[in-house]
């Protein structure tokens, strides 16, 4: 059997990787490790490892830009990868409501479309606090 099939399924079998991949499918933007850390509330080690696994499975692309590594959804040419993306796209938004909210807040902090603050910044934490207080 071709390892590409197994790699794609393995990559999405972990709840944290599935959550990261779902976000990348739905926001359709390049995301830095720092941004993904804030959105998922996970460590740098775990986020980097999970994004690398999705990359190695051919589901994401990565690009180094200065000190940032940016990940985005890969253009899927293989039918099985397209089907994986479509399956993840159809998962209910309600399952990822909090992550999606944090993601939009974090992406709104970009300057000229670029990430300018690191993970767990005071700016991001303050923005999250304001949202929680308004609920």
C-alpha atoms as a PDB file:
ATOM      1  CA  UNK A   1       0.000   0.000   0.000  1.00  0.00           C
ATOM      2  CA  UNK A   2       1.144   3.529  -0.742  1.00  0.00           C
ATOM      3  CA  UNK A   3       2.365   5.277   2.445  1.00  0.00           C
ATOM      4  CA  UNK A   4       0.732   8.561   1.350  1.00  0.00           C
ATOM      5  CA  UNK A   5      -2.695   7.153   2.220  1.00  0.00           C
ATOM      6  CA  UNK A   6      -1.572   5.984   5.626  1.00  0.00           C
ATOM      7  CA  UNK A   7       0.319   9.232   6.359  1.00  0.00           C
ATOM      8  CA  UNK A   8      -2.736  11.371   5.594  1.00  0.00           C
ATOM      9  CA  UNK A   9      -5.030   9.273   7.742  1.00  0.00           C
ATOM     10  CA  UNK A  10      -2.500   9.103  10.589  1.00  0.00           C
ATOM     11  CA  UNK A  11      -2.014  12.852  10.500  1.00  0.00           C
ATOM     12  CA  UNK A  12      -5.737  13.456  10.935  1.00  0.00           C
ATOM     13  CA  UNK A  13      -6.251  10.723  13.535  1.00  0.00           C
ATOM     14  CA  UNK A  14      -4.991  12.923  16.381  1.00  0.00           C
ATOM     15  CA  UNK A  15      -7.587  15.390  17.775  1.00  0.00           C
ATOM     16  CA  UNK A  16      -5.057  18.246  18.036  1.00  0.00           C
ATOM     17  CA  UNK A  17      -3.847  17.814  14.459  1.00  0.00           C
ATOM     18  CA  UNK A  18      -7.417  17.501  13.243  1.00  0.00           C
ATOM     19  CA  UNK A  19      -8.282  20.749  15.027  1.00  0.00           C
ATOM     20  CA  UNK A  20      -5.294  22.534  13.469  1.00  0.00           C
ATOM     21  CA  UNK A  21      -6.103  21.187  10.032  1.00  0.00           C
ATOM     22  CA  UNK A  22      -9.789  22.114  10.348  1.00  0.00           C
ATOM     23  CA  UNK A  23      -8.780  25.683  11.157  1.00  0.00           C
ATOM     24  CA  UNK A  24      -6.422  25.896   8.190  1.00  0.00           C
ATOM     25  CA  UNK A  25      -9.129  24.536   5.898  1.00  0.00           C
ATOM     26  CA  UNK A  26     -11.625  27.139   7.101  1.00  0.00           C
ATOM     27  CA  UNK A  27      -9.520  30.281   7.481  1.00  0.00           C
ATOM     28  CA  UNK A  28      -7.704  29.707   4.180  1.00  0.00           C
ATOM     29  CA  UNK A  29      -4.714  31.807   5.248  1.00  0.00           C
ATOM     30  CA  UNK A  30      -1.092  31.178   6.082  1.00  0.00           C
ATOM     31  CA  UNK A  31      -0.673  30.719   9.817  1.00  0.00           C
ATOM     32  CA  UNK A  32       2.484  30.929  11.916  1.00  0.00           C
ATOM     33  CA  UNK A  33       3.363  28.528  14.699  1.00  0.00           C
ATOM     34  CA  UNK A  34       2.942  31.391  17.207  1.00  0.00           C
ATOM     35  CA  UNK A  35      -0.572  32.116  15.931  1.00  0.00           C
ATOM     36  CA  UNK A  36      -1.471  28.418  16.027  1.00  0.00           C
ATOM     37  CA  UNK A  37      -0.168  28.201  19.595  1.00  0.00           C
ATOM     38  CA  UNK A  38      -2.461  31.002  20.740  1.00  0.00           C
ATOM     39  CA  UNK A  39      -5.448  29.597  18.891  1.00  0.00           C
ATOM     40  CA  UNK A  40      -5.066  26.027  20.130  1.00  0.00           C
ATOM     41  CA  UNK A  41      -3.632  26.958  23.548  1.00  0.00           C
ATOM     42  CA  UNK A  42      -0.903  24.370  23.075  1.00  0.00           C
ATOM     43  CA  UNK A  43       2.869  24.418  23.478  1.00  0.00           C
ATOM     44  CA  UNK A  44       5.341  25.379  20.763  1.00  0.00           C
ATOM     45  CA  UNK A  45       6.699  21.837  20.705  1.00  0.00           C
ATOM     46  CA  UNK A  46       3.280  20.237  20.195  1.00  0.00           C
ATOM     47  CA  UNK A  47       2.065  22.746  17.618  1.00  0.00           C
ATOM     48  CA  UNK A  48       5.294  22.549  15.600  1.00  0.00           C
ATOM     49  CA  UNK A  49       5.283  18.756  15.716  1.00  0.00           C
ATOM     50  CA  UNK A  50       1.630  18.549  14.678  1.00  0.00           C
ATOM     51  CA  UNK A  51       2.027  21.030  11.826  1.00  0.00           C
ATOM     52  CA  UNK A  52       5.122  19.166  10.597  1.00  0.00           C
ATOM     53  CA  UNK A  53       3.200  15.910  10.576  1.00  0.00           C
ATOM     54  CA  UNK A  54       0.424  17.473   8.506  1.00  0.00           C
ATOM     55  CA  UNK A  55       3.081  18.899   6.191  1.00  0.00           C
ATOM     56  CA  UNK A  56       4.848  15.551   5.794  1.00  0.00           C
ATOM     57  CA  UNK A  57       1.502  13.937   4.977  1.00  0.00           C
ATOM     58  CA  UNK A  58       1.166  16.383   2.075  1.00  0.00           C
ATOM     59  CA  UNK A  59      -1.810  18.198   3.562  1.00  0.00           C
ATOM     60  CA  UNK A  60      -0.017  21.500   4.261  1.00  0.00           C
ATOM     61  CA  UNK A  61       2.740  23.570   2.728  1.00  0.00           C
ATOM     62  CA  UNK A  62       5.318  25.444   4.762  1.00  0.00           C
ATOM     63  CA  UNK A  63       7.265  28.571   3.983  1.00  0.00           C
ATOM     64  CA  UNK A  64       9.985  30.268   6.010  1.00  0.00           C
ATOM     65  CA  UNK A  65       9.630  34.042   6.155  1.00  0.00           C
ATOM     66  CA  UNK A  66      12.159  35.731   8.407  1.00  0.00           C
ATOM     67  CA  UNK A  67      11.785  34.253  11.878  1.00  0.00           C
ATOM     68  CA  UNK A  68       8.349  32.793  11.105  1.00  0.00           C
ATOM     69  CA  UNK A  69       7.408  29.469   9.547  1.00  0.00           C
ATOM     70  CA  UNK A  70       4.073  29.818   7.784  1.00  0.00           C
ATOM     71  CA  UNK A  71       1.739  26.898   7.116  1.00  0.00           C
ATOM     72  CA  UNK A  72      -1.156  26.804   4.703  1.00  0.00           C
ATOM     73  CA  UNK A  73      -3.439  24.268   3.107  1.00  0.00           C
ATOM     74  CA  UNK A  74      -1.669  22.460   0.264  1.00  0.00           C
ATOM     75  CA  UNK A  75      -3.202  22.444  -3.204  1.00  0.00           C
ATOM     76  CA  UNK A  76      -4.466  18.887  -3.357  1.00  0.00           C
ATOM     77  CA  UNK A  77      -3.818  17.089  -6.610  1.00  0.00           C
ATOM     78  CA  UNK A  78      -4.369  13.521  -5.398  1.00  0.00           C
ATOM     79  CA  UNK A  79      -7.965  12.349  -5.132  1.00  0.00           C
ATOM     80  CA  UNK A  80      -7.563  10.799  -1.685  1.00  0.00           C
ATOM     81  CA  UNK A  81      -6.137  14.050  -0.282  1.00  0.00           C
ATOM     82  CA  UNK A  82      -8.974  16.071  -1.819  1.00  0.00           C
ATOM     83  CA  UNK A  83     -11.430  13.726  -0.152  1.00  0.00           C
ATOM     84  CA  UNK A  84      -9.676  14.096   3.204  1.00  0.00           C
ATOM     85  CA  UNK A  85      -9.873  17.881   2.914  1.00  0.00           C
ATOM     86  CA  UNK A  86     -13.540  17.712   1.925  1.00  0.00           C
ATOM     87  CA  UNK A  87     -14.289  15.399   4.863  1.00  0.00           C
ATOM     88  CA  UNK A  88     -12.628  17.750   7.328  1.00  0.00           C
ATOM     89  CA  UNK A  89     -14.362  20.755   5.748  1.00  0.00           C
ATOM     90  CA  UNK A  90     -17.735  19.128   6.488  1.00  0.00           C
ATOM     91  CA  UNK A  91     -17.123  18.695  10.221  1.00  0.00           C
ATOM     92  CA  UNK A  92     -19.587  20.914  12.137  1.00  0.00           C
ATOM     93  CA  UNK A  93     -18.337  24.407  13.022  1.00  0.00           C
ATOM     94  CA  UNK A  94     -19.870  24.056  16.474  1.00  0.00           C
ATOM     95  CA  UNK A  95     -17.117  21.592  17.373  1.00  0.00           C
ATOM     96  CA  UNK A  96     -14.490  24.284  16.773  1.00  0.00           C
ATOM     97  CA  UNK A  97     -16.362  27.424  17.858  1.00  0.00           C
ATOM     98  CA  UNK A  98     -13.855  28.599  20.492  1.00  0.00           C
ATOM     99  CA  UNK A  99     -10.814  27.901  18.317  1.00  0.00           C
ATOM    100  CA  UNK A 100     -12.382  29.732  15.388  1.00  0.00           C
ATOM    101  CA  UNK A 101     -13.127  32.773  17.559  1.00  0.00           C
ATOM    102  CA  UNK A 102      -9.576  32.840  18.935  1.00  0.00           C
ATOM    103  CA  UNK A 103      -8.242  32.373  15.406  1.00  0.00           C
ATOM    104  CA  UNK A 104     -10.087  35.397  14.022  1.00  0.00           C
ATOM    105  CA  UNK A 105      -8.966  37.511  16.979  1.00  0.00           C
ATOM    106  CA  UNK A 106      -5.356  36.409  16.529  1.00  0.00           C
ATOM    107  CA  UNK A 107      -5.358  36.964  12.756  1.00  0.00           C
ATOM    108  CA  UNK A 108      -6.884  40.428  13.228  1.00  0.00           C
ATOM    109  CA  UNK A 109      -3.723  41.421  15.129  1.00  0.00           C
ATOM    110  CA  UNK A 110      -1.583  41.171  12.008  1.00  0.00           C
ATOM    111  CA  UNK A 111       0.011  44.245  10.505  1.00  0.00           C
ATOM    112  CA  UNK A 112      -0.237  44.429   6.710  1.00  0.00           C
ATOM    113  CA  UNK A 113      -1.272  40.779   6.703  1.00  0.00           C
ATOM    114  CA  UNK A 114       1.842  39.648   8.573  1.00  0.00           C
ATOM    115  CA  UNK A 115       2.271  38.202  12.060  1.00  0.00           C
ATOM    116  CA  UNK A 116       4.169  40.706  14.208  1.00  0.00           C
ATOM    117  CA  UNK A 117       3.729  39.381  17.746  1.00  0.00           C
ATOM    118  CA  UNK A 118       4.871  36.151  19.338  1.00  0.00           C
ATOM    119  CA  UNK A 119       2.818  33.558  21.106  1.00  0.00           C
ATOM    120  CA  UNK A 120       1.093  34.277  24.404  1.00  0.00           C
ATOM    121  CA  UNK A 121       1.495  38.027  24.022  1.00  0.00           C
ATOM    122  CA  UNK A 122      -0.106  40.551  26.337  1.00  0.00           C
ATOM    123  CA  UNK A 123      -2.019  42.013  23.360  1.00  0.00           C
ATOM    124  CA  UNK A 124      -3.641  38.692  22.523  1.00  0.00           C
ATOM    125  CA  UNK A 125      -4.411  37.843  26.151  1.00  0.00           C
ATOM    126  CA  UNK A 126      -6.014  41.274  26.645  1.00  0.00           C
ATOM    127  CA  UNK A 127      -8.153  40.837  23.525  1.00  0.00           C
ATOM    128  CA  UNK A 128      -9.344  37.438  24.751  1.00  0.00           C
ATOM    129  CA  UNK A 129     -10.137  38.880  28.198  1.00  0.00           C
ATOM    130  CA  UNK A 130     -12.242  41.646  26.633  1.00  0.00           C
ATOM    131  CA  UNK A 131     -14.228  39.118  24.612  1.00  0.00           C
ATOM    132  CA  UNK A 132     -14.860  36.951  27.679  1.00  0.00           C
ATOM    133  CA  UNK A 133     -15.992  39.949  29.731  1.00  0.00           C
ATOM    134  CA  UNK A 134     -18.453  41.004  27.041  1.00  0.00           C
ATOM    135  CA  UNK A 135     -20.155  37.569  27.022  1.00  0.00           C
END
